């Protein structure tokens, strides 16, 4: 009896989800509520919140005064590096 190999994923689910959240924040003009993010990404609110807490702790997202989430300052040097590379 042979066992078929499990297909390998081409991506890491948590990274895909985190990037999807950042893309939604950007598409919403730079800020979005937890509810909006969960709805737009089709992720459970608890999962969305855990990912946002991690990204906030690392500086890639920020929680704003109105409790919505925005893009964090750590994204700026990444964008600048990408722009410099593109300009070559």
PDB file of N, CA and C in Angstrom:
ATOM      1  N   UNK A   1       0.848  -1.181   0.000  1.00  0.00           N
ATOM      2  CA  UNK A   1       0.000   0.000   0.000  1.00  0.00           C
ATOM      3  C   UNK A   1       0.888   1.237   0.000  1.00  0.00           C
ATOM      4  N   UNK A   2       0.680   2.112  -0.970  1.00  0.00           N
ATOM      5  CA  UNK A   2       1.487   3.328  -1.030  1.00  0.00           C
ATOM      6  C   UNK A   2       0.702   4.495  -0.456  1.00  0.00           C
ATOM      7  N   UNK A   3       1.443   5.393   0.139  1.00  0.00           N
ATOM      8  CA  UNK A   3       0.844   6.594   0.717  1.00  0.00           C
ATOM      9  C   UNK A   3       1.191   7.763  -0.185  1.00  0.00           C
ATOM     10  N   UNK A   4       0.176   8.494  -0.613  1.00  0.00           N
ATOM     11  CA  UNK A   4       0.428   9.649  -1.467  1.00  0.00           C
ATOM     12  C   UNK A   4       0.973  10.789  -0.623  1.00  0.00           C
ATOM     13  N   UNK A   5       1.973  11.483  -1.152  1.00  0.00           N
ATOM     14  CA  UNK A   5       2.528  12.614  -0.389  1.00  0.00           C
ATOM     15  C   UNK A   5       1.508  13.739  -0.254  1.00  0.00           C
ATOM     16  N   UNK A   6       1.588  14.419   0.858  1.00  0.00           N
ATOM     17  CA  UNK A   6       0.725  15.583   1.091  1.00  0.00           C
ATOM     18  C   UNK A   6       1.262  16.729   0.243  1.00  0.00           C
ATOM     19  N   UNK A   7       0.402  17.379  -0.541  1.00  0.00           N
ATOM     20  CA  UNK A   7       0.887  18.502  -1.361  1.00  0.00           C
ATOM     21  C   UNK A   7       1.466  19.599  -0.485  1.00  0.00           C
ATOM     22  N   UNK A   8       2.585  20.168  -0.907  1.00  0.00           N
ATOM     23  CA  UNK A   8       3.224  21.243  -0.150  1.00  0.00           C
ATOM     24  C   UNK A   8       2.562  22.563  -0.496  1.00  0.00           C
ATOM     25  N   UNK A   9       2.409  23.376   0.503  1.00  0.00           N
ATOM     26  CA  UNK A   9       1.868  24.719   0.280  1.00  0.00           C
ATOM     27  C   UNK A   9       2.969  25.593  -0.287  1.00  0.00           C
ATOM     28  N   UNK A  10       2.599  26.484  -1.143  1.00  0.00           N
ATOM     29  CA  UNK A  10       3.586  27.387  -1.719  1.00  0.00           C
ATOM     30  C   UNK A  10       3.735  28.656  -0.878  1.00  0.00           C
ATOM     31  N   UNK A  11       2.967  28.754   0.199  1.00  0.00           N
ATOM     32  CA  UNK A  11       3.048  29.947   1.036  1.00  0.00           C
ATOM     33  C   UNK A  11       2.766  29.589   2.491  1.00  0.00           C
ATOM     34  N   UNK A  12       3.051  30.538   3.360  1.00  0.00           N
ATOM     35  CA  UNK A  12       2.796  30.379   4.790  1.00  0.00           C
ATOM     36  C   UNK A  12       1.499  31.120   5.100  1.00  0.00           C
ATOM     37  N   UNK A  13       0.525  30.407   5.604  1.00  0.00           N
ATOM     38  CA  UNK A  13      -0.814  30.959   5.797  1.00  0.00           C
ATOM     39  C   UNK A  13      -0.823  32.225   6.650  1.00  0.00           C
ATOM     40  N   UNK A  14      -0.106  32.233   7.761  1.00  0.00           N
ATOM     41  CA  UNK A  14      -0.148  33.408   8.640  1.00  0.00           C
ATOM     42  C   UNK A  14       0.476  34.629   7.967  1.00  0.00           C
ATOM     43  N   UNK A  15       1.508  34.419   7.164  1.00  0.00           N
ATOM     44  CA  UNK A  15       2.119  35.536   6.440  1.00  0.00           C
ATOM     45  C   UNK A  15       1.151  36.049   5.384  1.00  0.00           C
ATOM     46  N   UNK A  16       0.526  35.145   4.656  1.00  0.00           N
ATOM     47  CA  UNK A  16      -0.482  35.549   3.664  1.00  0.00           C
ATOM     48  C   UNK A  16      -1.577  36.388   4.318  1.00  0.00           C
ATOM     49  N   UNK A  17      -2.040  35.935   5.461  1.00  0.00           N
ATOM     50  CA  UNK A  17      -3.125  36.645   6.153  1.00  0.00           C
ATOM     51  C   UNK A  17      -2.683  38.025   6.625  1.00  0.00           C
ATOM     52  N   UNK A  18      -1.482  38.108   7.190  1.00  0.00           N
ATOM     53  CA  UNK A  18      -0.975  39.392   7.675  1.00  0.00           C
ATOM     54  C   UNK A  18      -0.823  40.387   6.526  1.00  0.00           C
ATOM     55  N   UNK A  19      -0.295  39.917   5.400  1.00  0.00           N
ATOM     56  CA  UNK A  19      -0.140  40.800   4.249  1.00  0.00           C
ATOM     57  C   UNK A  19      -1.491  41.219   3.688  1.00  0.00           C
ATOM     58  N   UNK A  20      -2.438  40.319   3.705  1.00  0.00           N
ATOM     59  CA  UNK A  20      -3.793  40.647   3.243  1.00  0.00           C
ATOM     60  C   UNK A  20      -4.382  41.761   4.113  1.00  0.00           C
ATOM     61  N   UNK A  21      -4.179  41.691   5.418  1.00  0.00           N
ATOM     62  CA  UNK A  21      -4.672  42.731   6.330  1.00  0.00           C
ATOM     63  C   UNK A  21      -4.039  44.077   5.990  1.00  0.00           C
ATOM     64  N   UNK A  22      -2.711  44.090   5.783  1.00  0.00           N
ATOM     65  CA  UNK A  22      -2.037  45.342   5.438  1.00  0.00           C
ATOM     66  C   UNK A  22      -2.564  45.904   4.122  1.00  0.00           C
ATOM     67  N   UNK A  23      -2.802  45.041   3.154  1.00  0.00           N
ATOM     68  CA  UNK A  23      -3.334  45.498   1.868  1.00  0.00           C
ATOM     69  C   UNK A  23      -4.734  46.085   2.010  1.00  0.00           C
ATOM     70  N   UNK A  24      -5.547  45.498   2.874  1.00  0.00           N
ATOM     71  CA  UNK A  24      -6.899  46.044   3.095  1.00  0.00           C
ATOM     72  C   UNK A  24      -6.802  47.405   3.770  1.00  0.00           C
ATOM     73  N   UNK A  25      -5.942  47.523   4.772  1.00  0.00           N
ATOM     74  CA  UNK A  25      -5.775  48.831   5.435  1.00  0.00           C
ATOM     75  C   UNK A  25      -5.385  49.876   4.395  1.00  0.00           C
ATOM     76  N   UNK A  26      -4.433  49.549   3.538  1.00  0.00           N
ATOM     77  CA  UNK A  26      -3.987  50.490   2.509  1.00  0.00           C
ATOM     78  C   UNK A  26      -5.131  50.836   1.555  1.00  0.00           C
ATOM     79  N   UNK A  27      -5.915  49.847   1.176  1.00  0.00           N
ATOM     80  CA  UNK A  27      -7.016  50.089   0.223  1.00  0.00           C
ATOM     81  C   UNK A  27      -8.149  50.895   0.839  1.00  0.00           C
ATOM     82  N   UNK A  28      -8.213  50.927   2.165  1.00  0.00           N
ATOM     83  CA  UNK A  28      -9.252  51.685   2.871  1.00  0.00           C
ATOM     84  C   UNK A  28      -8.782  53.110   3.179  1.00  0.00           C
ATOM     85  N   UNK A  29      -7.700  53.539   2.571  1.00  0.00           N
ATOM     86  CA  UNK A  29      -7.213  54.895   2.789  1.00  0.00           C
ATOM     87  C   UNK A  29      -6.271  55.024   3.965  1.00  0.00           C
ATOM     88  N   UNK A  30      -5.784  53.902   4.484  1.00  0.00           N
ATOM     89  CA  UNK A  30      -4.783  53.953   5.544  1.00  0.00           C
ATOM     90  C   UNK A  30      -5.289  53.583   6.919  1.00  0.00           C
ATOM     91  N   UNK A  31      -6.580  53.331   7.072  1.00  0.00           N
ATOM     92  CA  UNK A  31      -7.081  52.876   8.365  1.00  0.00           C
ATOM     93  C   UNK A  31      -8.344  52.045   8.165  1.00  0.00           C
ATOM     94  N   UNK A  32      -8.554  51.120   9.100  1.00  0.00           N
ATOM     95  CA  UNK A  32      -9.738  50.254   9.046  1.00  0.00           C
ATOM     96  C   UNK A  32      -9.989  49.694  10.439  1.00  0.00           C
ATOM     97  N   UNK A  33     -11.238  49.443  10.735  1.00  0.00           N
ATOM     98  CA  UNK A  33     -11.591  48.859  12.031  1.00  0.00           C
ATOM     99  C   UNK A  33     -11.358  47.348  11.996  1.00  0.00           C
ATOM    100  N   UNK A  34     -11.308  46.768  13.162  1.00  0.00           N
ATOM    101  CA  UNK A  34     -11.160  45.318  13.274  1.00  0.00           C
ATOM    102  C   UNK A  34     -12.286  44.618  12.529  1.00  0.00           C
ATOM    103  N   UNK A  35     -13.501  45.103  12.703  1.00  0.00           N
ATOM    104  CA  UNK A  35     -14.658  44.513  12.038  1.00  0.00           C
ATOM    105  C   UNK A  35     -14.534  44.591  10.518  1.00  0.00           C
ATOM    106  N   UNK A  36     -14.127  45.746  10.014  1.00  0.00           N
ATOM    107  CA  UNK A  36     -13.936  45.894   8.571  1.00  0.00           C
ATOM    108  C   UNK A  36     -12.870  44.942   8.049  1.00  0.00           C
ATOM    109  N   UNK A  37     -11.775  44.832   8.797  1.00  0.00           N
ATOM    110  CA  UNK A  37     -10.690  43.957   8.368  1.00  0.00           C
ATOM    111  C   UNK A  37     -11.109  42.495   8.371  1.00  0.00           C
ATOM    112  N   UNK A  38     -11.816  42.080   9.415  1.00  0.00           N
ATOM    113  CA  UNK A  38     -12.284  40.698   9.475  1.00  0.00           C
ATOM    114  C   UNK A  38     -13.241  40.402   8.326  1.00  0.00           C
ATOM    115  N   UNK A  39     -14.121  41.327   8.044  1.00  0.00           N
ATOM    116  CA  UNK A  39     -15.086  41.137   6.953  1.00  0.00           C
ATOM    117  C   UNK A  39     -14.384  41.088   5.605  1.00  0.00           C
ATOM    118  N   UNK A  40     -13.526  42.052   5.344  1.00  0.00           N
ATOM    119  CA  UNK A  40     -12.869  42.149   4.032  1.00  0.00           C
ATOM    120  C   UNK A  40     -11.899  41.015   3.770  1.00  0.00           C
ATOM    121  N   UNK A  41     -11.314  40.430   4.835  1.00  0.00           N
ATOM    122  CA  UNK A  41     -10.363  39.329   4.650  1.00  0.00           C
ATOM    123  C   UNK A  41     -11.022  37.965   4.810  1.00  0.00           C
ATOM    124  N   UNK A  42     -12.278  37.951   5.240  1.00  0.00           N
ATOM    125  CA  UNK A  42     -13.006  36.700   5.529  1.00  0.00           C
ATOM    126  C   UNK A  42     -12.319  35.877   6.615  1.00  0.00           C
ATOM    127  N   UNK A  43     -11.663  36.565   7.531  1.00  0.00           N
ATOM    128  CA  UNK A  43     -11.007  35.903   8.661  1.00  0.00           C
ATOM    129  C   UNK A  43     -11.852  36.100   9.908  1.00  0.00           C
ATOM    130  N   UNK A  44     -11.796  35.158  10.846  1.00  0.00           N
ATOM    131  CA  UNK A  44     -12.477  35.382  12.122  1.00  0.00           C
ATOM    132  C   UNK A  44     -11.891  36.619  12.821  1.00  0.00           C
ATOM    133  N   UNK A  45     -12.725  37.329  13.536  1.00  0.00           N
ATOM    134  CA  UNK A  45     -12.267  38.535  14.236  1.00  0.00           C
ATOM    135  C   UNK A  45     -11.129  38.218  15.203  1.00  0.00           C
ATOM    136  N   UNK A  46     -11.193  37.079  15.878  1.00  0.00           N
ATOM    137  CA  UNK A  46     -10.135  36.710  16.829  1.00  0.00           C
ATOM    138  C   UNK A  46      -8.800  36.519  16.117  1.00  0.00           C
ATOM    139  N   UNK A  47      -8.817  35.885  14.962  1.00  0.00           N
ATOM    140  CA  UNK A  47      -7.590  35.689  14.183  1.00  0.00           C
ATOM    141  C   UNK A  47      -7.057  37.028  13.700  1.00  0.00           C
ATOM    142  N   UNK A  48      -7.946  37.860  13.198  1.00  0.00           N
ATOM    143  CA  UNK A  48      -7.559  39.191  12.728  1.00  0.00           C
ATOM    144  C   UNK A  48      -6.931  39.983  13.865  1.00  0.00           C
ATOM    145  N   UNK A  49      -7.534  39.916  15.035  1.00  0.00           N
ATOM    146  CA  UNK A  49      -7.022  40.645  16.198  1.00  0.00           C
ATOM    147  C   UNK A  49      -5.641  40.146  16.604  1.00  0.00           C
ATOM    148  N   UNK A  50      -5.439  38.837  16.630  1.00  0.00           N
ATOM    149  CA  UNK A  50      -4.125  38.281  16.982  1.00  0.00           C
ATOM    150  C   UNK A  50      -3.052  38.724  15.991  1.00  0.00           C
ATOM    151  N   UNK A  51      -3.371  38.692  14.722  1.00  0.00           N
ATOM    152  CA  UNK A  51      -2.402  39.133  13.717  1.00  0.00           C
ATOM    153  C   UNK A  51      -2.100  40.625  13.871  1.00  0.00           C
ATOM    154  N   UNK A  52      -3.126  41.419  14.122  1.00  0.00           N
ATOM    155  CA  UNK A  52      -2.921  42.856  14.324  1.00  0.00           C
ATOM    156  C   UNK A  52      -2.092  43.137  15.565  1.00  0.00           C
ATOM    157  N   UNK A  53      -2.302  42.382  16.627  1.00  0.00           N
ATOM    158  CA  UNK A  53      -1.502  42.580  17.847  1.00  0.00           C
ATOM    159  C   UNK A  53      -0.030  42.318  17.560  1.00  0.00           C
ATOM    160  N   UNK A  54       0.255  41.273  16.797  1.00  0.00           N
ATOM    161  CA  UNK A  54       1.641  40.959  16.441  1.00  0.00           C
ATOM    162  C   UNK A  54       2.231  42.057  15.568  1.00  0.00           C
ATOM    163  N   UNK A  55       1.485  42.477  14.537  1.00  0.00           N
ATOM    164  CA  UNK A  55       1.994  43.518  13.648  1.00  0.00           C
ATOM    165  C   UNK A  55       2.154  44.852  14.371  1.00  0.00           C
ATOM    166  N   UNK A  56       1.273  45.128  15.316  1.00  0.00           N
ATOM    167  CA  UNK A  56       1.380  46.348  16.118  1.00  0.00           C
ATOM    168  C   UNK A  56       2.619  46.293  17.014  1.00  0.00           C
ATOM    169  N   UNK A  57       2.848  45.163  17.645  1.00  0.00           N
ATOM    170  CA  UNK A  57       4.017  45.008  18.515  1.00  0.00           C
ATOM    171  C   UNK A  57       5.323  45.181  17.738  1.00  0.00           C
ATOM    172  N   UNK A  58       5.320  44.796  16.485  1.00  0.00           N
ATOM    173  CA  UNK A  58       6.522  44.900  15.646  1.00  0.00           C
ATOM    174  C   UNK A  58       6.617  46.214  14.890  1.00  0.00           C
ATOM    175  N   UNK A  59       5.583  47.060  14.949  1.00  0.00           N
ATOM    176  CA  UNK A  59       5.620  48.366  14.314  1.00  0.00           C
ATOM    177  C   UNK A  59       5.102  48.417  12.889  1.00  0.00           C
ATOM    178  N   UNK A  60       4.502  47.318  12.397  1.00  0.00           N
ATOM    179  CA  UNK A  60       3.988  47.296  11.028  1.00  0.00           C
ATOM    180  C   UNK A  60       2.535  47.754  10.945  1.00  0.00           C
ATOM    181  N   UNK A  61       1.880  47.849  12.072  1.00  0.00           N
ATOM    182  CA  UNK A  61       0.529  48.396  12.176  1.00  0.00           C
ATOM    183  C   UNK A  61       0.471  49.214  13.455  1.00  0.00           C
ATOM    184  N   UNK A  62      -0.486  50.119  13.524  1.00  0.00           N
ATOM    185  CA  UNK A  62      -0.703  50.916  14.734  1.00  0.00           C
ATOM    186  C   UNK A  62      -2.189  50.933  15.038  1.00  0.00           C
ATOM    187  N   UNK A  63      -2.496  51.003  16.341  1.00  0.00           N
ATOM    188  CA  UNK A  63      -3.890  51.203  16.715  1.00  0.00           C
ATOM    189  C   UNK A  63      -4.081  52.691  16.930  1.00  0.00           C
ATOM    190  N   UNK A  64      -5.046  53.246  16.227  1.00  0.00           N
ATOM    191  CA  UNK A  64      -5.303  54.679  16.275  1.00  0.00           C
ATOM    192  C   UNK A  64      -6.209  55.027  17.452  1.00  0.00           C
ATOM    193  N   UNK A  65      -6.331  56.311  17.749  1.00  0.00           N
ATOM    194  CA  UNK A  65      -7.146  56.760  18.893  1.00  0.00           C
ATOM    195  C   UNK A  65      -8.591  56.309  18.808  1.00  0.00           C
ATOM    196  N   UNK A  66      -9.111  56.211  17.591  1.00  0.00           N
ATOM    197  CA  UNK A  66     -10.505  55.784  17.432  1.00  0.00           C
ATOM    198  C   UNK A  66     -10.638  54.252  17.424  1.00  0.00           C
ATOM    199  N   UNK A  67      -9.567  53.566  17.795  1.00  0.00           N
ATOM    200  CA  UNK A  67      -9.492  52.099  17.913  1.00  0.00           C
ATOM    201  C   UNK A  67      -9.426  51.378  16.574  1.00  0.00           C
ATOM    202  N   UNK A  68      -9.380  52.124  15.470  1.00  0.00           N
ATOM    203  CA  UNK A  68      -9.158  51.480  14.178  1.00  0.00           C
ATOM    204  C   UNK A  68      -7.651  51.230  14.048  1.00  0.00           C
ATOM    205  N   UNK A  69      -7.265  50.580  12.975  1.00  0.00           N
ATOM    206  CA  UNK A  69      -5.863  50.239  12.759  1.00  0.00           C
ATOM    207  C   UNK A  69      -5.345  50.930  11.522  1.00  0.00           C
ATOM    208  N   UNK A  70      -4.079  51.340  11.588  1.00  0.00           N
ATOM    209  CA  UNK A  70      -3.435  51.997  10.469  1.00  0.00           C
ATOM    210  C   UNK A  70      -2.111  51.322  10.148  1.00  0.00           C
ATOM    211  N   UNK A  71      -1.508  51.760   9.064  1.00  0.00           N
ATOM    212  CA  UNK A  71      -0.207  51.237   8.667  1.00  0.00           C
ATOM    213  C   UNK A  71       0.872  51.811   9.582  1.00  0.00           C
ATOM    214  N   UNK A  72       1.823  50.966   9.959  1.00  0.00           N
ATOM    215  CA  UNK A  72       2.865  51.375  10.892  1.00  0.00           C
ATOM    216  C   UNK A  72       4.086  51.976  10.216  1.00  0.00           C
ATOM    217  N   UNK A  73       4.869  52.678  11.011  1.00  0.00           N
ATOM    218  CA  UNK A  73       6.072  53.369  10.532  1.00  0.00           C
ATOM    219  C   UNK A  73       7.130  52.420   9.982  1.00  0.00           C
ATOM    220  N   UNK A  74       7.145  51.178  10.418  1.00  0.00           N
ATOM    221  CA  UNK A  74       8.153  50.232   9.933  1.00  0.00           C
ATOM    222  C   UNK A  74       7.973  49.915   8.456  1.00  0.00           C
ATOM    223  N   UNK A  75       6.810  50.234   7.899  1.00  0.00           N
ATOM    224  CA  UNK A  75       6.580  49.987   6.479  1.00  0.00           C
ATOM    225  C   UNK A  75       7.273  51.032   5.600  1.00  0.00           C
ATOM    226  N   UNK A  76       7.567  52.198   6.159  1.00  0.00           N
ATOM    227  CA  UNK A  76       8.148  53.292   5.377  1.00  0.00           C
ATOM    228  C   UNK A  76       9.506  52.907   4.795  1.00  0.00           C
ATOM    229  N   UNK A  77      10.464  52.433   5.602  1.00  0.00           N
ATOM    230  CA  UNK A  77      11.758  52.084   5.004  1.00  0.00           C
ATOM    231  C   UNK A  77      11.655  50.933   4.002  1.00  0.00           C
ATOM    232  N   UNK A  78      10.689  50.042   4.184  1.00  0.00           N
ATOM    233  CA  UNK A  78      10.498  48.961   3.213  1.00  0.00           C
ATOM    234  C   UNK A  78      10.048  49.526   1.871  1.00  0.00           C
ATOM    235  N   UNK A  79       9.105  50.457   1.916  1.00  0.00           N
ATOM    236  CA  UNK A  79       8.633  51.094   0.689  1.00  0.00           C
ATOM    237  C   UNK A  79       9.723  51.912   0.019  1.00  0.00           C
ATOM    238  N   UNK A  80      10.518  52.609   0.830  1.00  0.00           N
ATOM    239  CA  UNK A  80      11.617  53.406   0.273  1.00  0.00           C
ATOM    240  C   UNK A  80      12.645  52.514  -0.404  1.00  0.00           C
ATOM    241  N   UNK A  81      12.977  51.389   0.216  1.00  0.00           N
ATOM    242  CA  UNK A  81      13.943  50.455  -0.378  1.00  0.00           C
ATOM    243  C   UNK A  81      13.409  49.884  -1.688  1.00  0.00           C
ATOM    244  N   UNK A  82      12.119  49.563  -1.716  1.00  0.00           N
ATOM    245  CA  UNK A  82      11.513  49.045  -2.940  1.00  0.00           C
ATOM    246  C   UNK A  82      11.530  50.100  -4.040  1.00  0.00           C
ATOM    247  N   UNK A  83      11.259  51.350  -3.675  1.00  0.00           N
ATOM    248  CA  UNK A  83      11.254  52.443  -4.656  1.00  0.00           C
ATOM    249  C   UNK A  83      12.658  52.674  -5.211  1.00  0.00           C
ATOM    250  N   UNK A  84      13.677  52.586  -4.348  1.00  0.00           N
ATOM    251  CA  UNK A  84      15.063  52.757  -4.817  1.00  0.00           C
ATOM    252  C   UNK A  84      15.444  51.644  -5.776  1.00  0.00           C
ATOM    253  N   UNK A  85      15.065  50.433  -5.459  1.00  0.00           N
ATOM    254  CA  UNK A  85      15.378  49.294  -6.319  1.00  0.00           C
ATOM    255  C   UNK A  85      14.695  49.455  -7.665  1.00  0.00           C
ATOM    256  N   UNK A  86      13.464  49.909  -7.638  1.00  0.00           N
ATOM    257  CA  UNK A  86      12.691  50.088  -8.860  1.00  0.00           C
ATOM    258  C   UNK A  86      13.272  51.182  -9.742  1.00  0.00           C
ATOM    259  N   UNK A  87      13.910  52.175  -9.128  1.00  0.00           N
ATOM    260  CA  UNK A  87      14.464  53.297  -9.866  1.00  0.00           C
ATOM    261  C   UNK A  87      15.786  52.978 -10.554  1.00  0.00           C
ATOM    262  N   UNK A  88      16.331  51.806 -10.311  1.00  0.00           N
ATOM    263  CA  UNK A  88      17.617  51.455 -10.924  1.00  0.00           C
ATOM    264  C   UNK A  88      17.495  51.102 -12.370  1.00  0.00           C
TER     265      UNK A  88
END
